[in-house]
Amino acid sequence: MTLSQIVFRFRIATMLYWAMSGSFLCYYVLFFEEQKGIRPADIGVMMSIYTLSALGGQNFFGYLTDKLQSLKKSTLVAVVIMVTVVPTIPLHNQLFLLYPSMAVIGFMQQPLGPMLDSWMLKLLAVHNKENIYGKIRGVGSMGWSLAGPTTAYLMHYVGWDMMYLVSSTCGIGLLFIIWTIKDVQKPDEHVGLLAKSLSPIRAIQKLLQIKPYLFILFVVFFLYLGVQTAYNYLSLLMRDTGGSLEILGWTYFLDAGSELPAMFLSVWILSRFPPKKLMIVAISLYLIRFGLILYFRTPIVVSLSSIIQGFAFGFMLASLRNYIFTIAPRHLQTSALTICDAVFLSMSVIVGGALGGWVIQEFSVMTLMWCCLGSSSLALILLLWPQESESPSSSEASSP
C-alpha cells in the first residue's frame, strides 16, 4: 500500500470505529437508567462487567495478534461479533441477559482501538512515517465527535433504539473498509521465532520487566481512574447540573472534536519535546477541567470545559502511543498497546465503575468529581516524581 492509501483508509477506519463506539458508549448509562429502570449501583456493576471482559479481550487479542503477527484477521473477527450482538441489547429487559451481552461487547469492542493503532503504526513504519500518527488518529476522533450530537437528536426525535442502529451501521462500514487494508508485513526470522514462542503469561512478564513501561502503567491507571469514571457518568453529571440530552450530545461533540487539533498539534510538539512533558501538560488540563466543574456546577461549564478534556486526551494518547511503541520490542508492540489500554480503559473503570455508582447513590455526583480530581492529581505527582535515567532498547527488551 502507498502512504496516501494507508492515511486515507485508516482515517476512515478509525472514524467509523469511534462513531460505532461513541453512539453506544455515550448513552448506554442514561438508556439503562431511564428506559430500563436500572439503579445506578447496578449500572456500575454492569460497567464493571463490561470493562472486566474488556480487560480479558485486550490481553487476549494483543497476545493473539502478536502470536500470529497478523492484525487483519483479529480485527475482522472482533467487528463481526460486535455488529451481531449490539442490535440485540434493546430486546433484553433482565439483568441476567444484559450482563453477558455487555461482557461480549466489552471483550470485542475495547481491543479494536489499540489494534487499529498498532496496525496503522506498523504500516507507517514501512515508510518511516510513524510520527504522523496524530494526523490520522485525530481525524478518527471526528467519528466520536459526530456520533454524539447525531445520535442524541435521532434518539430525541425518533427513539432511543437509534443509538443501536447508528452503532451497527458504523460497524458494518468498518467491516468493509478494514477488508480493503493490507495486513502487516511478515517479520524477519528472528522476530518471527520470538513471536512463535510467546504465551500470554510470558508476553506480560516480558513487558513488565521494562521499568519505564511498568511505571507508565501506574501513571495511566490513577489518571484514568478519575478521568474515565467521570466520563462514564457524564450523562448523570449533566442531568444533575440541569442539562438536557441535546446539550449532552453537543458536549460529546466538543470533547471529541477538540481531539482533532490536539492530535495534529502533537505531531509538532513531539518532534521538539519528549513524550513525558506532553503527558504532564495533558494531566494538568484534566485537572483544570475538574476544577471548573466543581467550582461552577452548571451544564454550560460542563459542556464547554469538555474542549479542555478533548485537548488533554489528544495530547495524552499521541504521546503515550509514541512512547510505548519506542520502548516495546517489535514482537510485543501490539500487546504493549492493548495492555496499556486495558489499564486505562478497563482496570480503571472496573474499580471506578462500581465505586462511582456507589458514591453517586450514597452521596452525590459532585462527591464523585472530588474523588476523580484526587485520583488524577496522584497521577501527576507520580509523573513528576524523579526517575532514574533509563532508555531500554528494543533489542534488550526483546531478548529471550
Protein backbone atom coordinates (compact mmCIF):
# COMPACT_ATOMS: atom_id res chain seq x y z
CA MET A 1 0.00 0.00 0.00
CA THR A 2 1.16 3.54 -0.72
CA LEU A 3 1.46 6.05 2.12
CA SER A 4 -1.55 8.01 0.85
CA GLN A 5 -3.68 4.84 0.80
CA ILE A 6 -2.65 4.00 4.37
CA VAL A 7 -3.50 7.51 5.58
CA PHE A 8 -6.87 7.66 3.80
CA ARG A 9 -8.13 4.18 4.73
CA PHE A 10 -7.09 4.37 8.36
CA ARG A 11 -8.70 7.79 8.70
CA ILE A 12 -11.98 6.25 7.51
CA ALA A 13 -11.48 3.12 9.66
CA THR A 14 -10.75 5.00 12.88
CA MET A 15 -13.61 7.42 12.21
CA LEU A 16 -16.08 4.55 11.79
CA TYR A 17 -14.71 2.70 14.83
CA TRP A 18 -15.09 5.69 17.14
CA ALA A 19 -18.52 6.53 15.73
CA MET A 20 -19.58 2.92 16.34
CA SER A 21 -18.26 3.09 19.90
CA GLY A 22 -19.45 6.62 20.72
CA SER A 23 -23.04 6.16 19.59
CA PHE A 24 -23.37 3.36 22.16
CA LEU A 25 -20.96 4.19 25.00
CA CYS A 26 -22.04 7.83 25.29
CA TYR A 27 -25.63 6.99 26.13
CA TYR A 28 -25.93 3.47 27.49
CA VAL A 29 -25.80 4.61 31.15
CA LEU A 30 -28.69 7.02 30.61
CA PHE A 31 -30.52 4.45 28.46
CA PHE A 32 -30.38 1.73 31.10
CA GLU A 33 -31.43 4.06 33.91
CA GLU A 34 -34.27 5.94 32.17
CA GLN A 35 -35.54 3.34 29.70
CA LYS A 36 -34.85 0.11 31.59
CA GLY A 37 -35.24 1.44 35.15
CA ILE A 38 -31.90 0.04 36.33
CA ARG A 39 -30.42 1.55 39.51
CA PRO A 40 -27.07 3.45 39.34
CA ALA A 41 -25.38 0.83 41.53
CA ASP A 42 -26.50 -1.96 39.15
CA ILE A 43 -25.32 0.10 36.18
CA GLY A 44 -21.97 0.41 37.94
CA VAL A 45 -21.79 -3.38 38.22
CA MET A 46 -22.71 -3.65 34.53
CA MET A 47 -19.97 -1.16 33.69
CA SER A 48 -17.50 -3.22 35.71
CA ILE A 49 -18.58 -6.43 33.92
CA TYR A 50 -18.14 -4.69 30.57
CA THR A 51 -14.67 -3.45 31.46
CA LEU A 52 -13.58 -6.68 33.18
CA SER A 53 -14.48 -8.51 29.98
CA ALA A 54 -12.67 -5.82 28.00
CA LEU A 55 -9.59 -6.43 30.16
CA GLY A 56 -9.62 -10.07 29.10
CA GLY A 57 -10.29 -9.17 25.49
CA GLN A 58 -7.47 -6.64 25.32
CA ASN A 59 -4.94 -9.12 26.67
CA PHE A 60 -6.29 -11.96 24.51
CA PHE A 61 -6.31 -10.03 21.24
CA GLY A 62 -2.96 -8.41 21.96
CA TYR A 63 -1.40 -11.82 22.53
CA LEU A 64 -3.20 -13.35 19.53
CA THR A 65 -2.11 -10.68 17.05
CA ASP A 66 1.50 -10.77 18.26
CA LYS A 67 1.47 -14.58 18.14
CA LEU A 68 0.06 -14.70 14.59
CA GLN A 69 1.81 -11.47 13.51
CA SER A 70 -1.48 -10.61 11.79
CA LEU A 71 -3.83 -7.77 12.69
CA LYS A 72 -6.38 -8.11 9.90
CA LYS A 73 -7.79 -11.48 10.99
CA SER A 74 -8.23 -10.49 14.63
CA THR A 75 -9.83 -7.17 13.75
CA LEU A 76 -12.33 -8.74 11.35
CA VAL A 77 -13.45 -11.31 13.93
CA ALA A 78 -14.00 -8.66 16.61
CA VAL A 79 -16.01 -6.36 14.32
CA VAL A 80 -18.24 -9.18 13.02
CA ILE A 81 -19.23 -10.21 16.55
CA MET A 82 -19.77 -6.58 17.58
CA VAL A 83 -22.25 -5.83 14.79
CA THR A 84 -24.07 -9.08 15.59
CA VAL A 85 -24.50 -8.53 19.34
CA VAL A 86 -25.09 -4.76 19.70
CA PRO A 87 -28.52 -4.68 17.94
CA THR A 88 -29.87 -7.28 20.40
CA ILE A 89 -29.39 -5.06 23.50
CA PRO A 90 -32.81 -3.30 23.29
CA LEU A 91 -34.50 -6.71 23.31
CA HIS A 92 -33.22 -7.51 26.81
CA ASN A 93 -35.02 -6.30 29.94
CA GLN A 94 -33.45 -8.54 32.58
CA LEU A 95 -30.04 -8.04 34.17
CA PHE A 96 -29.13 -11.71 33.70
CA LEU A 97 -29.43 -11.13 29.92
CA LEU A 98 -27.84 -7.66 29.84
CA TYR A 99 -24.76 -8.69 31.81
CA PRO A 100 -23.49 -11.34 29.33
CA SER A 101 -24.33 -9.10 26.35
CA MET A 102 -22.25 -6.28 27.82
CA ALA A 103 -19.46 -8.75 28.54
CA VAL A 104 -19.33 -9.85 24.90
CA ILE A 105 -19.35 -6.25 23.66
CA GLY A 106 -16.55 -5.29 26.05
CA PHE A 107 -14.44 -8.28 25.02
CA MET A 108 -14.69 -7.38 21.33
CA GLN A 109 -15.00 -3.59 21.24
CA GLN A 110 -12.23 -2.36 23.53
CA PRO A 111 -9.31 -4.20 21.84
CA LEU A 112 -10.23 -2.72 18.44
CA GLY A 113 -8.81 0.74 19.22
CA PRO A 114 -5.24 -0.33 20.06
CA MET A 115 -5.30 -3.00 17.32
CA LEU A 116 -6.15 -0.37 14.70
CA ASP A 117 -3.46 1.92 16.13
CA SER A 118 -0.86 -0.85 16.12
CA TRP A 119 -1.81 -1.85 12.56
CA MET A 120 -1.56 1.76 11.46
CA LEU A 121 1.81 2.33 13.14
CA LYS A 122 3.29 -0.86 11.71
CA LEU A 123 2.29 0.09 8.16
CA LEU A 124 3.53 3.66 8.65
CA ALA A 125 6.85 2.27 9.91
CA VAL A 126 7.43 0.75 6.46
CA HIS A 127 7.56 4.33 5.15
CA ASN A 128 9.35 5.68 8.27
CA LYS A 129 6.33 7.88 8.99
CA GLU A 130 5.23 6.78 12.47
CA ASN A 131 5.37 10.43 13.54
CA ILE A 132 2.21 11.28 11.53
CA TYR A 133 0.07 9.02 13.74
CA GLY A 134 -1.68 12.05 15.22
CA LYS A 135 -2.77 13.30 11.80
CA ILE A 136 -4.62 10.03 11.17
CA ARG A 137 -5.98 9.32 14.65
CA GLY A 138 -7.07 12.94 15.01
CA VAL A 139 -9.41 12.64 12.03
CA GLY A 140 -10.69 9.41 13.56
CA SER A 141 -11.83 11.43 16.57
CA MET A 142 -14.37 13.10 14.30
CA GLY A 143 -16.30 9.82 14.37
CA TRP A 144 -16.95 10.10 18.10
CA SER A 145 -17.49 13.85 17.77
CA LEU A 146 -20.16 13.49 15.08
CA ALA A 147 -21.77 10.45 16.71
CA GLY A 148 -22.51 12.46 19.89
CA PRO A 149 -24.99 15.08 18.63
CA THR A 150 -26.23 12.95 15.69
CA THR A 151 -27.23 10.08 17.94
CA ALA A 152 -28.70 12.45 20.54
CA TYR A 153 -31.01 14.13 18.01
CA LEU A 154 -32.02 10.81 16.46
CA MET A 155 -32.90 9.44 19.89
CA HIS A 156 -34.82 12.60 20.78
CA TYR A 157 -36.92 12.71 17.59
CA VAL A 158 -37.09 9.03 16.60
CA GLY A 159 -36.41 6.87 19.64
CA TRP A 160 -33.74 5.54 22.00
CA ASP A 161 -33.14 2.46 19.87
CA MET A 162 -31.47 4.69 17.25
CA MET A 163 -28.25 4.52 19.27
CA TYR A 164 -28.02 0.83 18.39
CA LEU A 165 -28.87 1.41 14.73
CA VAL A 166 -26.15 4.05 14.36
CA SER A 167 -23.62 1.83 16.10
CA SER A 168 -24.39 -1.21 13.93
CA THR A 169 -24.36 0.82 10.70
CA CYS A 170 -20.92 2.23 11.50
CA GLY A 171 -19.72 -1.27 12.43
CA ILE A 172 -20.78 -2.67 9.04
CA GLY A 173 -18.97 0.21 7.31
CA LEU A 174 -15.86 -0.52 9.38
CA LEU A 175 -16.02 -4.17 8.35
CA PHE A 176 -15.90 -3.23 4.67
CA ILE A 177 -13.05 -0.72 4.98
CA ILE A 178 -10.72 -2.98 7.01
CA TRP A 179 -11.26 -5.71 4.41
CA THR A 180 -9.52 -3.41 1.90
CA ILE A 181 -6.48 -2.71 4.12
CA LYS A 182 -3.31 -4.73 3.69
CA ASP A 183 -2.20 -6.86 6.63
CA VAL A 184 1.12 -6.17 8.37
CA GLN A 185 4.28 -7.43 6.76
CA LYS A 186 5.67 -10.75 7.89
CA PRO A 187 8.50 -10.17 10.37
CA ASP A 188 12.08 -11.24 9.85
CA GLU A 189 13.13 -14.70 11.04
CA HIS A 190 14.38 -13.58 14.46
CA VAL A 191 11.21 -11.64 15.29
CA GLY A 192 9.09 -14.47 13.90
CA LEU A 193 10.74 -17.02 16.19
CA LEU A 194 10.21 -14.75 19.21
CA ALA A 195 6.53 -14.36 18.28
CA LYS A 196 6.01 -18.12 17.90
CA SER A 197 7.48 -18.76 21.35
CA LEU A 198 5.02 -16.38 23.00
CA SER A 199 2.50 -17.42 25.62
CA PRO A 200 0.03 -14.97 27.23
CA ILE A 201 1.83 -15.06 30.59
CA ARG A 202 5.29 -14.79 29.02
CA ALA A 203 4.24 -11.78 26.93
CA ILE A 204 3.04 -9.94 30.03
CA GLN A 205 6.15 -10.94 32.01
CA LYS A 206 8.50 -9.64 29.32
CA LEU A 207 6.69 -6.30 29.12
CA LEU A 208 6.57 -5.82 32.89
CA GLN A 209 10.34 -6.29 33.02
CA ILE A 210 10.65 -2.98 31.13
CA LYS A 211 10.74 -0.48 34.01
CA PRO A 212 9.61 2.61 32.05
CA TYR A 213 6.65 0.61 30.74
CA LEU A 214 5.65 -0.59 34.20
CA PHE A 215 5.94 2.94 35.58
CA ILE A 216 3.73 4.46 32.90
CA LEU A 217 1.07 1.82 33.58
CA PHE A 218 0.78 3.09 37.17
CA VAL A 219 0.51 6.68 35.93
CA VAL A 220 -2.27 5.98 33.44
CA PHE A 221 -4.18 3.81 35.94
CA PHE A 222 -4.53 6.57 38.54
CA LEU A 223 -5.12 9.23 35.89
CA TYR A 224 -7.92 7.39 34.15
CA LEU A 225 -9.37 6.01 37.37
CA GLY A 226 -10.51 9.62 37.74
CA VAL A 227 -10.98 10.65 34.11
CA GLN A 228 -12.78 7.55 32.82
CA THR A 229 -15.06 7.30 35.84
CA ALA A 230 -16.11 10.94 35.40
CA TYR A 231 -16.57 10.41 31.67
CA ASN A 232 -18.69 7.28 32.07
CA TYR A 233 -21.01 9.11 34.45
CA LEU A 234 -21.09 12.31 32.38
CA SER A 235 -24.74 11.80 31.48
CA LEU A 236 -25.69 11.79 35.17
CA LEU A 237 -23.46 14.81 35.82
CA MET A 238 -25.19 16.70 33.03
CA ARG A 239 -28.62 15.77 34.33
CA ASP A 240 -27.80 16.79 37.91
CA THR A 241 -26.48 20.20 36.80
CA GLY A 242 -29.68 20.85 34.83
CA GLY A 243 -28.53 20.00 31.31
CA SER A 244 -30.58 18.36 28.56
CA LEU A 245 -29.98 15.37 26.28
CA GLU A 246 -29.16 17.75 23.40
CA ILE A 247 -26.54 19.59 25.50
CA LEU A 248 -25.07 16.22 26.45
CA GLY A 249 -24.77 15.33 22.77
CA TRP A 250 -23.00 18.60 21.99
CA THR A 251 -20.71 18.03 24.97
CA TYR A 252 -19.53 14.78 23.40
CA PHE A 253 -19.14 16.66 20.10
CA LEU A 254 -16.95 19.36 21.66
CA ASP A 255 -14.92 16.79 23.60
CA ALA A 256 -14.07 14.54 20.67
CA GLY A 257 -13.94 17.42 18.17
CA SER A 258 -11.19 19.15 20.13
CA GLU A 259 -9.10 15.98 19.96
CA LEU A 260 -8.55 16.70 16.24
CA PRO A 261 -6.45 19.89 16.63
CA ALA A 262 -4.74 18.35 19.67
CA MET A 263 -3.65 15.31 17.66
CA PHE A 264 -2.37 17.46 14.80
CA LEU A 265 -0.55 19.76 17.22
CA SER A 266 1.00 16.75 18.98
CA VAL A 267 2.93 15.89 15.78
CA TRP A 268 4.75 19.22 16.04
CA ILE A 269 5.19 19.09 19.84
CA LEU A 270 6.55 15.53 19.91
CA SER A 271 9.14 16.44 17.30
CA ARG A 272 10.54 19.01 19.76
CA PHE A 273 9.82 17.70 23.26
CA PRO A 274 9.90 14.26 24.93
CA PRO A 275 6.54 12.48 25.35
CA LYS A 276 6.58 12.74 29.16
CA LYS A 277 6.46 16.54 29.03
CA LEU A 278 3.38 16.40 26.83
CA MET A 279 1.84 13.92 29.29
CA ILE A 280 2.35 16.44 32.12
CA VAL A 281 0.53 19.07 30.07
CA ALA A 282 -2.30 16.61 29.38
CA ILE A 283 -2.80 15.70 33.05
CA SER A 284 -2.75 19.38 34.03
CA LEU A 285 -5.53 20.08 31.53
CA TYR A 286 -7.63 17.27 33.01
CA LEU A 287 -7.22 18.78 36.48
CA ILE A 288 -8.23 22.23 35.23
CA ARG A 289 -11.45 20.76 33.84
CA PHE A 290 -12.33 19.06 37.12
CA GLY A 291 -11.70 22.34 38.94
CA LEU A 292 -14.01 24.30 36.62
CA ILE A 293 -16.83 21.76 37.01
CA LEU A 294 -16.56 21.69 40.80
CA TYR A 295 -16.47 25.49 41.06
CA PHE A 296 -19.26 26.49 38.64
CA ARG A 297 -21.52 23.37 38.64
CA THR A 298 -23.52 24.44 35.57
CA PRO A 299 -24.28 22.49 32.36
CA ILE A 300 -22.68 25.14 30.13
CA VAL A 301 -19.37 24.84 32.03
CA VAL A 302 -19.57 21.04 31.96
CA SER A 303 -20.11 21.26 28.19
CA LEU A 304 -17.55 23.94 27.29
CA SER A 305 -14.86 22.54 29.58
CA SER A 306 -15.05 19.32 27.55
CA ILE A 307 -12.92 21.18 24.99
CA ILE A 308 -10.12 21.16 27.56
CA GLN A 309 -10.61 17.43 28.12
CA GLY A 310 -10.50 16.80 24.37
CA PHE A 311 -7.12 18.52 24.14
CA ALA A 312 -5.92 16.58 27.19
CA PHE A 313 -6.94 13.23 25.71
CA GLY A 314 -5.43 14.05 22.31
CA PHE A 315 -2.11 15.02 23.86
CA MET A 316 -2.08 12.05 26.22
CA LEU A 317 -2.95 9.44 23.61
CA ALA A 318 -0.46 10.67 21.00
CA SER A 319 2.41 10.90 23.49
CA LEU A 320 1.50 7.58 25.15
CA ARG A 321 1.27 5.68 21.84
CA ASN A 322 4.60 7.04 20.60
CA TYR A 323 6.32 6.43 23.92
CA ILE A 324 5.16 2.81 24.25
CA PHE A 325 5.86 1.97 20.62
CA THR A 326 9.50 3.05 21.08
CA ILE A 327 10.19 1.17 24.34
CA ALA A 328 8.39 -2.09 23.46
CA PRO A 329 10.13 -4.81 21.39
CA ARG A 330 8.72 -5.32 17.92
CA HIS A 331 7.18 -8.73 18.58
CA LEU A 332 5.32 -7.34 21.61
CA GLN A 333 4.21 -3.95 20.31
CA THR A 334 0.52 -4.79 19.93
CA SER A 335 0.47 -6.47 23.35
CA ALA A 336 2.11 -3.39 24.86
CA LEU A 337 -0.60 -1.14 23.43
CA THR A 338 -3.52 -3.41 24.34
CA ILE A 339 -2.25 -3.98 27.89
CA CYS A 340 -1.84 -0.24 28.38
CA ASP A 341 -5.38 0.30 27.11
CA ALA A 342 -6.52 -2.49 29.42
CA VAL A 343 -5.11 -0.49 32.34
CA PHE A 344 -6.57 2.92 31.49
CA LEU A 345 -9.77 1.85 29.73
CA SER A 346 -10.58 -1.33 31.66
CA MET A 347 -8.89 -1.75 35.03
CA SER A 348 -9.52 1.88 35.95
CA VAL A 349 -13.20 1.52 35.05
CA ILE A 350 -13.60 -1.81 36.85
CA VAL A 351 -12.69 -0.01 40.05
CA GLY A 352 -14.23 3.36 39.18
CA GLY A 353 -17.45 1.95 37.72
CA ALA A 354 -18.53 0.05 40.80
CA LEU A 355 -17.24 2.62 43.32
CA GLY A 356 -18.58 5.52 41.24
CA GLY A 357 -22.10 4.10 41.16
CA TRP A 358 -21.99 3.59 44.94
CA VAL A 359 -20.66 7.11 45.59
CA ILE A 360 -23.42 8.66 43.45
CA GLN A 361 -26.11 6.57 45.11
CA GLU A 362 -24.91 7.21 48.67
CA PHE A 363 -23.61 10.78 48.29
CA SER A 364 -23.77 12.76 45.03
CA VAL A 365 -22.30 13.19 41.56
CA MET A 366 -20.21 16.13 42.78
CA THR A 367 -18.70 13.97 45.52
CA LEU A 368 -17.61 11.61 42.76
CA MET A 369 -16.00 14.56 40.92
CA TRP A 370 -13.90 15.34 44.01
CA CYS A 371 -12.76 11.70 44.14
CA CYS A 372 -11.85 11.81 40.43
CA LEU A 373 -9.87 15.02 40.95
CA GLY A 374 -7.88 13.37 43.74
CA SER A 375 -7.03 10.27 41.72
CA SER A 376 -5.88 12.27 38.70
CA SER A 377 -3.79 14.53 40.95
CA LEU A 378 -1.97 11.45 42.22
CA ALA A 379 -1.10 10.55 38.61
CA LEU A 380 0.50 13.96 38.12
CA ILE A 381 2.53 13.56 41.32
CA LEU A 382 3.79 10.17 40.10
CA LEU A 383 4.76 11.54 36.69
CA LEU A 384 6.65 14.44 38.31
CA TRP A 385 8.45 12.11 40.72
CA PRO A 386 12.19 11.90 39.83
CA GLN A 387 13.03 8.73 37.92
CA GLU A 388 16.30 7.05 37.09
CA SER A 389 17.51 7.93 33.63
CA GLU A 390 16.83 4.79 31.66
CA SER A 391 16.21 4.14 27.98
CA PRO A 392 15.84 0.43 27.37
CA SER A 393 16.36 -0.59 23.79
CA SER A 394 14.04 -2.85 21.90
CA SER A 395 16.80 -5.33 21.35
CA GLU A 396 17.47 -5.64 25.09
CA ALA A 397 13.77 -5.86 25.91
CA SER A 398 13.17 -8.49 23.25
CA SER A 399 15.88 -10.90 24.32
CA PRO A 400 14.51 -14.36 25.08
